[in-house]
PDB file of N, CA and C in Angstrom:
ATOM      1  N   UNK A   1      94.415  73.912 130.761  1.00  0.00           N
ATOM      2  CA  UNK A   1      94.501  74.959 130.978  1.00  0.00           C
ATOM      3  C   UNK A   1      93.716  75.535 132.647  1.00  0.00           C
ATOM      4  N   UNK A   2      94.870  77.505 131.655  1.00  0.00           N
ATOM      5  CA  UNK A   2      95.231  77.845 133.283  1.00  0.00           C
ATOM      6  C   UNK A   2      96.142  79.029 132.724  1.00  0.00           C
ATOM      7  N   UNK A   3      96.769  79.391 134.214  1.00  0.00           N
ATOM      8  CA  UNK A   3      97.307  80.168 133.705  1.00  0.00           C
ATOM      9  C   UNK A   3      98.067  80.642 134.720  1.00  0.00           C
ATOM     10  N   UNK A   4      99.101  81.219 134.249  1.00  0.00           N
ATOM     11  CA  UNK A   4     101.243  81.297 135.422  1.00  0.00           C
ATOM     12  C   UNK A   4     101.627  82.375 135.216  1.00  0.00           C
ATOM     13  N   UNK A   5     101.565  82.634 136.674  1.00  0.00           N
ATOM     14  CA  UNK A   5     102.352  84.180 137.055  1.00  0.00           C
ATOM     15  C   UNK A   5     103.447  84.734 137.056  1.00  0.00           C
ATOM     16  N   UNK A   6     104.237  84.874 136.609  1.00  0.00           N
ATOM     17  CA  UNK A   6     105.749  85.485 136.716  1.00  0.00           C
ATOM     18  C   UNK A   6     106.034  87.222 136.873  1.00  0.00           C
ATOM     19  N   UNK A   7     106.709  87.269 137.930  1.00  0.00           N
ATOM     20  CA  UNK A   7     106.781  88.335 138.680  1.00  0.00           C
ATOM     21  C   UNK A   7     108.816  88.617 138.703  1.00  0.00           C
ATOM     22  N   UNK A   8     108.824  89.275 137.532  1.00  0.00           N
ATOM     23  CA  UNK A   8     109.999  89.939 137.594  1.00  0.00           C
ATOM     24  C   UNK A   8     111.363  90.551 138.842  1.00  0.00           C
ATOM     25  N   UNK A   9     110.322  91.186 139.858  1.00  0.00           N
ATOM     26  CA  UNK A   9     110.830  92.441 140.012  1.00  0.00           C
ATOM     27  C   UNK A   9     112.077  91.448 140.839  1.00  0.00           C
ATOM     28  N   UNK A  10     112.315  90.207 141.224  1.00  0.00           N
ATOM     29  CA  UNK A  10     113.635  89.923 142.280  1.00  0.00           C
ATOM     30  C   UNK A  10     114.849  89.074 141.192  1.00  0.00           C
ATOM     31  N   UNK A  11     114.381  89.511 140.325  1.00  0.00           N
ATOM     32  CA  UNK A  11     115.644  89.174 139.720  1.00  0.00           C
ATOM     33  C   UNK A  11     115.754  90.609 138.400  1.00  0.00           C
ATOM     34  N   UNK A  12     114.853  91.539 138.609  1.00  0.00           N
ATOM     35  CA  UNK A  12     114.771  92.804 137.711  1.00  0.00           C
ATOM     36  C   UNK A  12     116.378  93.180 136.810  1.00  0.00           C
ATOM     37  N   UNK A  13     117.559  93.335 137.687  1.00  0.00           N
ATOM     38  CA  UNK A  13     118.682  93.904 137.083  1.00  0.00           C
ATOM     39  C   UNK A  13     119.985  91.857 137.098  1.00  0.00           C
ATOM     40  N   UNK A  14     119.350  91.290 137.086  1.00  0.00           N
ATOM     41  CA  UNK A  14     120.258  90.107 136.711  1.00  0.00           C
ATOM     42  C   UNK A  14     119.614  89.200 134.788  1.00  0.00           C
ATOM     43  N   UNK A  15     119.953  90.083 134.272  1.00  0.00           N
ATOM     44  CA  UNK A  15     119.745  89.344 132.654  1.00  0.00           C
ATOM     45  C   UNK A  15     119.728  87.747 132.466  1.00  0.00           C
ATOM     46  N   UNK A  16     120.706  87.636 133.078  1.00  0.00           N
ATOM     47  CA  UNK A  16     120.409  85.946 132.370  1.00  0.00           C
ATOM     48  C   UNK A  16     119.462  85.587 133.729  1.00  0.00           C
ATOM     49  N   UNK A  17     119.581  85.802 134.334  1.00  0.00           N
ATOM     50  CA  UNK A  17     117.890  85.117 135.156  1.00  0.00           C
ATOM     51  C   UNK A  17     117.045  85.407 135.018  1.00  0.00           C
ATOM     52  N   UNK A  18     116.359  86.968 134.886  1.00  0.00           N
ATOM     53  CA  UNK A  18     115.964  86.949 133.620  1.00  0.00           C
ATOM     54  C   UNK A  18     115.131  86.253 132.368  1.00  0.00           C
ATOM     55  N   UNK A  19     115.534  85.568 131.543  1.00  0.00           N
ATOM     56  CA  UNK A  19     116.224  85.329 130.177  1.00  0.00           C
ATOM     57  C   UNK A  19     115.750  83.696 130.526  1.00  0.00           C
ATOM     58  N   UNK A  20     116.198  82.627 132.098  1.00  0.00           N
ATOM     59  CA  UNK A  20     115.965  81.708 131.799  1.00  0.00           C
ATOM     60  C   UNK A  20     115.111  81.297 132.791  1.00  0.00           C
ATOM     61  N   UNK A  21     114.186  82.453 133.542  1.00  0.00           N
ATOM     62  CA  UNK A  21     113.222  82.971 133.851  1.00  0.00           C
ATOM     63  C   UNK A  21     111.184  82.249 132.753  1.00  0.00           C
ATOM     64  N   UNK A  22     112.112  83.484 131.992  1.00  0.00           N
ATOM     65  CA  UNK A  22     111.432  83.705 130.944  1.00  0.00           C
ATOM     66  C   UNK A  22     111.288  82.557 129.706  1.00  0.00           C
ATOM     67  N   UNK A  23     111.893  81.944 129.612  1.00  0.00           N
ATOM     68  CA  UNK A  23     111.691  80.267 129.427  1.00  0.00           C
ATOM     69  C   UNK A  23     111.169  79.323 129.722  1.00  0.00           C
ATOM     70  N   UNK A  24     111.589  79.022 131.602  1.00  0.00           N
ATOM     71  CA  UNK A  24     111.276  78.670 132.067  1.00  0.00           C
ATOM     72  C   UNK A  24     109.509  78.271 131.979  1.00  0.00           C
ATOM     73  N   UNK A  25     108.954  79.540 132.554  1.00  0.00           N
ATOM     74  CA  UNK A  25     106.850  79.854 132.087  1.00  0.00           C
ATOM     75  C   UNK A  25     106.710  79.203 131.159  1.00  0.00           C
ATOM     76  N   UNK A  26     107.989  79.472 129.770  1.00  0.00           N
ATOM     77  CA  UNK A  26     107.032  79.416 128.316  1.00  0.00           C
ATOM     78  C   UNK A  26     107.347  78.306 127.797  1.00  0.00           C
ATOM     79  N   UNK A  27     108.120  77.819 128.942  1.00  0.00           N
ATOM     80  CA  UNK A  27     108.442  75.693 128.583  1.00  0.00           C
ATOM     81  C   UNK A  27     107.055  75.455 128.890  1.00  0.00           C
ATOM     82  N   UNK A  28     107.324  75.609 129.839  1.00  0.00           N
ATOM     83  CA  UNK A  28     106.038  74.951 130.780  1.00  0.00           C
ATOM     84  C   UNK A  28     104.577  75.464 130.639  1.00  0.00           C
ATOM     85  N   UNK A  29     104.634  76.337 130.322  1.00  0.00           N
ATOM     86  CA  UNK A  29     103.007  76.992 129.449  1.00  0.00           C
ATOM     87  C   UNK A  29     102.504  76.152 128.374  1.00  0.00           C
ATOM     88  N   UNK A  30     103.533  75.321 126.982  1.00  0.00           N
ATOM     89  CA  UNK A  30     103.602  74.877 125.979  1.00  0.00           C
ATOM     90  C   UNK A  30     103.456  73.790 126.746  1.00  0.00           C
ATOM     91  N   UNK A  31     104.262  72.935 127.518  1.00  0.00           N
ATOM     92  CA  UNK A  31     104.319  71.733 127.638  1.00  0.00           C
ATOM     93  C   UNK A  31     103.257  71.467 128.908  1.00  0.00           C
ATOM     94  N   UNK A  32     102.270  71.945 129.757  1.00  0.00           N
ATOM     95  CA  UNK A  32     100.755  72.122 130.268  1.00  0.00           C
ATOM     96  C   UNK A  32     100.241  72.346 129.935  1.00  0.00           C
ATOM     97  N   UNK A  33      99.541  73.290 128.614  1.00  0.00           N
ATOM     98  CA  UNK A  33      99.120  73.298 127.519  1.00  0.00           C
ATOM     99  C   UNK A  33      98.097  74.770 128.689  1.00  0.00           C
ATOM    100  N   UNK A  34      98.583  75.152 129.496  1.00  0.00           N
ATOM    101  CA  UNK A  34      98.686  76.750 129.895  1.00  0.00           C
ATOM    102  C   UNK A  34      98.011  77.714 129.016  1.00  0.00           C
ATOM    103  N   UNK A  35      97.501  77.981 129.134  1.00  0.00           N
ATOM    104  CA  UNK A  35      96.785  79.340 127.808  1.00  0.00           C
ATOM    105  C   UNK A  35      97.099  80.907 128.138  1.00  0.00           C
ATOM    106  N   UNK A  36      97.988  81.122 128.925  1.00  0.00           N
ATOM    107  CA  UNK A  36      98.378  82.529 129.112  1.00  0.00           C
ATOM    108  C   UNK A  36      99.289  83.115 130.482  1.00  0.00           C
ATOM    109  N   UNK A  37     100.070  83.158 130.095  1.00  0.00           N
ATOM    110  CA  UNK A  37     101.058  84.106 131.429  1.00  0.00           C
ATOM    111  C   UNK A  37     100.896  85.182 131.461  1.00  0.00           C
ATOM    112  N   UNK A  38     100.889  85.733 132.205  1.00  0.00           N
ATOM    113  CA  UNK A  38     100.971  87.163 132.807  1.00  0.00           C
ATOM    114  C   UNK A  38     103.006  87.416 133.510  1.00  0.00           C
ATOM    115  N   UNK A  39     103.161  88.580 132.942  1.00  0.00           N
ATOM    116  CA  UNK A  39     104.546  88.505 132.778  1.00  0.00           C
ATOM    117  C   UNK A  39     104.419  89.696 133.654  1.00  0.00           C
ATOM    118  N   UNK A  40     105.152  89.870 135.139  1.00  0.00           N
ATOM    119  CA  UNK A  40     105.522  91.560 135.530  1.00  0.00           C
ATOM    120  C   UNK A  40     106.486  92.123 135.478  1.00  0.00           C
ATOM    121  N   UNK A  41     106.413  92.820 134.474  1.00  0.00           N
ATOM    122  CA  UNK A  41     108.571  93.465 134.171  1.00  0.00           C
ATOM    123  C   UNK A  41     108.547  94.627 136.104  1.00  0.00           C
ATOM    124  N   UNK A  42     106.642  95.251 135.915  1.00  0.00           N
ATOM    125  CA  UNK A  42     106.695  96.237 137.092  1.00  0.00           C
ATOM    126  C   UNK A  42     106.576  98.043 135.922  1.00  0.00           C
ATOM    127  N   UNK A  43     107.351  98.621 136.900  1.00  0.00           N
ATOM    128  CA  UNK A  43     106.724  99.833 136.140  1.00  0.00           C
ATOM    129  C   UNK A  43     108.013 100.525 135.894  1.00  0.00           C
ATOM    130  N   UNK A  44     109.121 100.558 137.147  1.00  0.00           N
ATOM    131  CA  UNK A  44     110.121 101.330 136.508  1.00  0.00           C
ATOM    132  C   UNK A  44     110.606 102.084 135.664  1.00  0.00           C
ATOM    133  N   UNK A  45     111.779 101.457 135.190  1.00  0.00           N
ATOM    134  CA  UNK A  45     112.298 102.973 134.389  1.00  0.00           C
ATOM    135  C   UNK A  45     111.333 102.189 132.925  1.00  0.00           C
ATOM    136  N   UNK A  46     111.169 101.371 132.618  1.00  0.00           N
ATOM    137  CA  UNK A  46     110.772 100.655 131.296  1.00  0.00           C
ATOM    138  C   UNK A  46     111.581  99.713 130.883  1.00  0.00           C
ATOM    139  N   UNK A  47     112.880  99.317 131.614  1.00  0.00           N
ATOM    140  CA  UNK A  47     114.340  98.632 130.809  1.00  0.00           C
ATOM    141  C   UNK A  47     113.498  97.209 130.983  1.00  0.00           C
ATOM    142  N   UNK A  48     113.665  96.831 131.835  1.00  0.00           N
ATOM    143  CA  UNK A  48     112.655  94.987 132.335  1.00  0.00           C
ATOM    144  C   UNK A  48     111.838  95.529 131.041  1.00  0.00           C
ATOM    145  N   UNK A  49     111.191  95.783 131.011  1.00  0.00           N
ATOM    146  CA  UNK A  49     109.667  95.493 130.021  1.00  0.00           C
ATOM    147  C   UNK A  49     110.382  95.518 128.507  1.00  0.00           C
ATOM    148  N   UNK A  50     111.226  96.436 127.931  1.00  0.00           N
ATOM    149  CA  UNK A  50     112.224  96.086 127.100  1.00  0.00           C
ATOM    150  C   UNK A  50     112.475  94.910 126.755  1.00  0.00           C
ATOM    151  N   UNK A  51     112.605  94.506 127.724  1.00  0.00           N
ATOM    152  CA  UNK A  51     114.320  92.884 127.882  1.00  0.00           C
ATOM    153  C   UNK A  51     112.941  92.250 127.596  1.00  0.00           C
ATOM    154  N   UNK A  52     111.788  92.432 128.428  1.00  0.00           N
ATOM    155  CA  UNK A  52     111.095  90.751 128.089  1.00  0.00           C
ATOM    156  C   UNK A  52     110.571  91.376 126.883  1.00  0.00           C
ATOM    157  N   UNK A  53     110.261  92.294 126.085  1.00  0.00           N
ATOM    158  CA  UNK A  53     109.586  92.508 124.416  1.00  0.00           C
ATOM    159  C   UNK A  53     110.840  92.349 123.672  1.00  0.00           C
ATOM    160  N   UNK A  54     111.736  92.271 123.803  1.00  0.00           N
ATOM    161  CA  UNK A  54     113.144  91.521 123.740  1.00  0.00           C
ATOM    162  C   UNK A  54     113.068  90.522 123.272  1.00  0.00           C
ATOM    163  N   UNK A  55     112.819  89.556 124.570  1.00  0.00           N
ATOM    164  CA  UNK A  55     112.817  88.396 124.547  1.00  0.00           C
ATOM    165  C   UNK A  55     112.191  86.823 124.195  1.00  0.00           C
ATOM    166  N   UNK A  56     110.616  88.482 123.836  1.00  0.00           N
ATOM    167  CA  UNK A  56     109.642  87.393 123.120  1.00  0.00           C
ATOM    168  C   UNK A  56     109.278  87.341 121.646  1.00  0.00           C
ATOM    169  N   UNK A  57     110.342  88.524 121.466  1.00  0.00           N
ATOM    170  CA  UNK A  57     110.379  88.515 120.177  1.00  0.00           C
ATOM    171  C   UNK A  57     111.295  88.236 118.584  1.00  0.00           C
ATOM    172  N   UNK A  58     111.795  87.125 119.622  1.00  0.00           N
ATOM    173  CA  UNK A  58     113.057  86.138 118.924  1.00  0.00           C
ATOM    174  C   UNK A  58     112.521  84.945 118.144  1.00  0.00           C
ATOM    175  N   UNK A  59     112.808  85.307 117.271  1.00  0.00           N
ATOM    176  CA  UNK A  59     112.385  83.981 116.781  1.00  0.00           C
ATOM    177  C   UNK A  59     111.941  82.528 116.584  1.00  0.00           C
ATOM    178  N   UNK A  60     112.770  82.511 117.530  1.00  0.00           N
ATOM    179  CA  UNK A  60     112.302  80.971 118.108  1.00  0.00           C
ATOM    180  C   UNK A  60     111.537  81.113 119.133  1.00  0.00           C
ATOM    181  N   UNK A  61     111.130  81.490 119.466  1.00  0.00           N
ATOM    182  CA  UNK A  61     110.404  82.035 121.540  1.00  0.00           C
ATOM    183  C   UNK A  61     109.475  81.839 120.010  1.00  0.00           C
ATOM    184  N   UNK A  62     108.998  83.600 119.799  1.00  0.00           N
ATOM    185  CA  UNK A  62     107.749  83.900 119.180  1.00  0.00           C
ATOM    186  C   UNK A  62     107.078  83.333 118.473  1.00  0.00           C
ATOM    187  N   UNK A  63     107.200  81.937 118.025  1.00  0.00           N
ATOM    188  CA  UNK A  63     106.333  80.764 117.371  1.00  0.00           C
ATOM    189  C   UNK A  63     106.424  80.208 118.331  1.00  0.00           C
ATOM    190  N   UNK A  64     106.119  80.092 118.935  1.00  0.00           N
ATOM    191  CA  UNK A  64     105.721  79.127 120.635  1.00  0.00           C
ATOM    192  C   UNK A  64     104.565  79.970 121.304  1.00  0.00           C
ATOM    193  N   UNK A  65     104.584  80.527 121.236  1.00  0.00           N
ATOM    194  CA  UNK A  65     103.018  81.513 121.714  1.00  0.00           C
ATOM    195  C   UNK A  65     102.364  82.598 120.738  1.00  0.00           C
ATOM    196  N   UNK A  66     100.628  83.025 120.632  1.00  0.00           N
ATOM    197  CA  UNK A  66     100.136  83.023 120.155  1.00  0.00           C
ATOM    198  C   UNK A  66     100.263  84.632 119.713  1.00  0.00           C
ATOM    199  N   UNK A  67      99.688  85.183 120.167  1.00  0.00           N
ATOM    200  CA  UNK A  67      99.950  86.231 120.700  1.00  0.00           C
ATOM    201  C   UNK A  67     100.452  87.354 121.483  1.00  0.00           C
ATOM    202  N   UNK A  68     100.977  88.016 121.763  1.00  0.00           N
ATOM    203  CA  UNK A  68     101.510  89.496 123.289  1.00  0.00           C
ATOM    204  C   UNK A  68      99.815  89.928 123.871  1.00  0.00           C
ATOM    205  N   UNK A  69     100.649  90.603 124.760  1.00  0.00           N
ATOM    206  CA  UNK A  69      98.774  92.009 124.795  1.00  0.00           C
ATOM    207  C   UNK A  69      99.376  92.555 126.582  1.00  0.00           C
ATOM    208  N   UNK A  70      99.606  93.880 125.885  1.00  0.00           N
ATOM    209  CA  UNK A  70     100.169  94.848 126.853  1.00  0.00           C
ATOM    210  C   UNK A  70      99.349  95.794 127.752  1.00  0.00           C
ATOM    211  N   UNK A  71      99.262  95.140 128.668  1.00  0.00           N
ATOM    212  CA  UNK A  71      97.411  95.833 129.217  1.00  0.00           C
ATOM    213  C   UNK A  71      97.755  96.948 129.678  1.00  0.00           C
ATOM    214  N   UNK A  72      96.619  97.434 129.338  1.00  0.00           N
ATOM    215  CA  UNK A  72      96.606  98.975 129.523  1.00  0.00           C
ATOM    216  C   UNK A  72      96.249 100.006 130.520  1.00  0.00           C
ATOM    217  N   UNK A  73      95.751  99.221 130.602  1.00  0.00           N
ATOM    218  CA  UNK A  73      95.520 100.227 132.651  1.00  0.00           C
ATOM    219  C   UNK A  73      96.986 100.266 133.699  1.00  0.00           C
ATOM    220  N   UNK A  74      97.426  99.177 133.363  1.00  0.00           N
ATOM    221  CA  UNK A  74      98.802  98.506 133.741  1.00  0.00           C
ATOM    222  C   UNK A  74      99.844  97.961 133.502  1.00  0.00           C
ATOM    223  N   UNK A  75     100.930  99.535 133.330  1.00  0.00           N
ATOM    224  CA  UNK A  75     101.963  99.689 132.293  1.00  0.00           C
ATOM    225  C   UNK A  75     102.723  98.028 132.564  1.00  0.00           C
ATOM    226  N   UNK A  76     102.757  97.744 134.202  1.00  0.00           N
ATOM    227  CA  UNK A  76     103.677  97.276 134.474  1.00  0.00           C
ATOM    228  C   UNK A  76     103.331  95.580 134.591  1.00  0.00           C
ATOM    229  N   UNK A  77     102.565  95.101 133.278  1.00  0.00           N
ATOM    230  CA  UNK A  77     102.661  94.202 132.922  1.00  0.00           C
ATOM    231  C   UNK A  77     102.369  93.274 131.448  1.00  0.00           C
ATOM    232  N   UNK A  78     102.177  92.209 130.728  1.00  0.00           N
ATOM    233  CA  UNK A  78     102.524  92.009 130.349  1.00  0.00           C
ATOM    234  C   UNK A  78     101.982  90.757 129.900  1.00  0.00           C
ATOM    235  N   UNK A  79     100.450  89.768 129.337  1.00  0.00           N
ATOM    236  CA  UNK A  79      99.721  88.643 128.740  1.00  0.00           C
ATOM    237  C   UNK A  79     100.838  88.514 127.782  1.00  0.00           C
ATOM    238  N   UNK A  80     101.153  86.749 127.721  1.00  0.00           N
ATOM    239  CA  UNK A  80     101.517  86.411 126.824  1.00  0.00           C
ATOM    240  C   UNK A  80     100.428  85.359 126.384  1.00  0.00           C
ATOM    241  N   UNK A  81      99.679  84.956 124.793  1.00  0.00           N
ATOM    242  CA  UNK A  81      98.631  84.454 125.360  1.00  0.00           C
ATOM    243  C   UNK A  81      98.870  82.664 124.412  1.00  0.00           C
ATOM    244  N   UNK A  82      98.303  81.117 124.147  1.00  0.00           N
ATOM    245  CA  UNK A  82      98.446  80.715 123.779  1.00  0.00           C
ATOM    246  C   UNK A  82      98.017  80.082 122.870  1.00  0.00           C
ATOM    247  N   UNK A  83      98.191  78.882 121.895  1.00  0.00           N
ATOM    248  CA  UNK A  83      96.406  78.045 121.179  1.00  0.00           C
ATOM    249  C   UNK A  83      97.375  76.562 120.927  1.00  0.00           C
ATOM    250  N   UNK A  84      97.618  76.111 121.661  1.00  0.00           N
ATOM    251  CA  UNK A  84      97.284  74.693 121.841  1.00  0.00           C
ATOM    252  C   UNK A  84      96.590  73.339 120.046  1.00  0.00           C
TER     253      UNK A  84
END
């Protein structure tokens, strides 16, 4: 049980890299039974956050995690919780 942190600032303008990083950390969380992923799309225009939420909302992805939490205090963070 642990936590993975994914900062997307470096790949913010590359949709394929973003999807690949999201897929990678979700697979890692499932494989290693990690309880939480913290995704940092950053504040920006909100487009990256929307992209991340769309990715996480896909049926094949959504079934892998338990719930999503958007940080109330920090708009630029999303937490993905797993129940293994």
